[in-house]
Amino acid sequence: MSHDLMNLVEKSSLREEPLEFQIGDTVDVHTKILEGNKERVQVFSGTVIARSGGGSREMFTVRRIVAGEGVERKFPVHSPRIAKVEVKRSSVVRRAKLYFLRDRVGKSVRLKERRR
């Protein structure tokens, strides 16, 4: 009963067109940012290392290296602030979470590209 009610409430906040990407993909996440009364789009590019949650609470984590330091950012999948997610490259992965990439440095961070 309450589970069905939650699904009905969440359905209104879900995206009509779901974002198409997988774990291990190198993506550009276009995020809308408000600065004063202006709105601009900021791009965060990196590798998707995790997806978690379900329904309107689903999140994904993108990791990239900036000035030799690893930076991770979590985004809600169904947020209206996300303009689009562009897949630049797909990789072959055998895990649901790629947390092992946090310990790697240099060329060992690279993943094998998936042929389409």
Protein backbone atom coordinates (compact mmCIF):
# COMPACT_ATOMS: atom_id res chain seq x y z
CA MET A 1 0.00 0.00 0.00
CA SER A 2 2.54 2.64 1.11
CA HIS A 3 5.06 1.39 -1.48
CA ASP A 4 2.51 1.94 -4.26
CA LEU A 5 1.75 5.40 -2.89
CA MET A 6 5.47 6.30 -2.89
CA ASN A 7 5.79 5.16 -6.52
CA LEU A 8 2.90 7.40 -7.53
CA VAL A 9 4.42 10.42 -5.80
CA GLU A 10 7.88 9.78 -7.27
CA LYS A 11 6.57 9.28 -10.81
CA SER A 12 5.87 13.01 -11.19
CA SER A 13 9.52 13.95 -10.48
CA LEU A 14 11.12 11.43 -12.87
CA ARG A 15 12.55 12.41 -16.26
CA GLU A 16 10.45 11.66 -19.35
CA GLU A 17 13.58 10.63 -21.29
CA PRO A 18 16.03 8.75 -19.05
CA LEU A 19 19.75 9.47 -19.35
CA GLU A 20 21.56 6.79 -21.36
CA PHE A 21 24.98 5.97 -19.89
CA GLN A 22 26.66 3.11 -18.07
CA ILE A 23 29.35 2.52 -15.48
CA GLY A 24 32.80 3.08 -17.00
CA ASP A 25 31.63 5.60 -19.60
CA THR A 26 33.54 8.84 -19.99
CA VAL A 27 30.85 11.52 -19.95
CA ASP A 28 30.33 15.29 -20.08
CA VAL A 29 27.68 16.32 -17.54
CA HIS A 30 26.11 19.68 -18.47
CA THR A 31 24.85 21.32 -15.27
CA LYS A 32 22.74 24.48 -15.12
CA ILE A 33 24.15 27.01 -12.61
CA LEU A 34 22.43 30.16 -11.36
CA GLU A 35 24.71 33.20 -10.88
CA GLY A 36 22.62 36.10 -9.67
CA ASN A 37 19.79 36.30 -12.17
CA LYS A 38 21.76 34.66 -15.02
CA GLU A 39 21.79 30.98 -15.80
CA ARG A 40 24.75 29.29 -17.46
CA VAL A 41 25.79 25.73 -18.22
CA GLN A 42 28.93 24.25 -16.64
CA VAL A 43 30.46 21.03 -17.96
CA PHE A 44 31.99 18.40 -15.66
CA SER A 45 33.72 15.64 -17.59
CA GLY A 46 35.03 12.38 -16.19
CA THR A 47 34.43 8.66 -15.76
CA VAL A 48 31.22 7.29 -14.25
CA ILE A 49 32.39 5.13 -11.33
CA ALA A 50 29.07 4.38 -9.60
CA ARG A 51 25.29 4.50 -9.79
CA SER A 52 23.23 4.13 -6.64
CA GLY A 53 19.66 4.38 -5.42
CA GLY A 54 16.47 4.01 -7.36
CA GLY A 55 13.51 6.03 -8.51
CA SER A 56 13.80 9.76 -7.91
CA ARG A 57 16.67 9.17 -5.45
CA GLU A 58 19.01 7.65 -8.05
CA MET A 59 22.51 9.20 -8.12
CA PHE A 60 25.65 8.72 -10.17
CA THR A 61 29.27 9.56 -9.35
CA VAL A 62 31.71 11.02 -11.87
CA ARG A 63 35.47 11.09 -11.22
CA ARG A 64 38.22 13.04 -12.95
CA ILE A 65 41.79 14.11 -12.26
CA VAL A 66 42.46 17.86 -11.87
CA ALA A 67 46.04 19.05 -11.35
CA GLY A 68 47.11 15.59 -10.19
CA GLU A 69 44.31 15.38 -7.62
CA GLY A 70 41.23 13.17 -7.94
CA VAL A 71 37.89 14.99 -7.88
CA GLU A 72 34.54 13.19 -7.56
CA ARG A 73 31.09 14.68 -7.88
CA LYS A 74 27.69 13.07 -7.32
CA PHE A 75 24.73 14.05 -9.47
CA PRO A 76 21.04 13.15 -9.12
CA VAL A 77 19.90 11.39 -12.31
CA HIS A 78 16.44 13.00 -12.36
CA SER A 79 17.49 16.54 -11.41
CA PRO A 80 16.15 19.38 -13.59
CA ARG A 81 19.55 21.09 -13.08
CA ILE A 82 21.22 18.52 -15.35
CA ALA A 83 20.78 19.73 -18.92
CA LYS A 84 22.27 16.65 -20.57
CA VAL A 85 24.82 13.88 -20.24
CA GLU A 86 27.00 13.31 -23.30
CA VAL A 87 28.79 9.96 -23.59
CA LYS A 88 32.25 10.56 -25.05
CA ARG A 89 33.65 7.06 -24.70
CA SER A 90 32.44 3.67 -23.47
CA SER A 91 34.68 1.26 -21.60
CA VAL A 92 34.63 -2.44 -20.86
CA VAL A 93 34.02 -2.99 -17.14
CA ARG A 94 33.17 -6.07 -15.10
CA ARG A 95 32.02 -4.36 -11.92
CA ALA A 96 29.09 -2.21 -10.79
CA LYS A 97 31.31 0.14 -8.75
CA LEU A 98 34.74 1.26 -9.94
CA TYR A 99 36.07 2.45 -6.57
CA PHE A 100 39.39 0.71 -7.27
CA LEU A 101 40.21 3.61 -9.64
CA ARG A 102 40.67 5.85 -6.59
CA ASP A 103 43.91 4.06 -5.70
CA ARG A 104 45.36 4.21 -9.21
CA VAL A 105 47.61 6.87 -10.68
CA GLY A 106 48.76 7.61 -14.24
CA LYS A 107 48.22 5.17 -17.08
CA SER A 108 46.72 2.49 -14.83
CA VAL A 109 43.56 4.64 -14.48
CA ARG A 110 42.72 4.04 -18.15
CA LEU A 111 40.00 1.54 -19.03
CA LYS A 112 39.79 -0.57 -22.18
CA GLU A 113 37.49 0.99 -24.79
CA ARG A 114 34.31 -0.83 -25.80
CA ARG A 115 33.80 -1.26 -29.54
CA ARG A 116 30.36 -0.27 -30.78
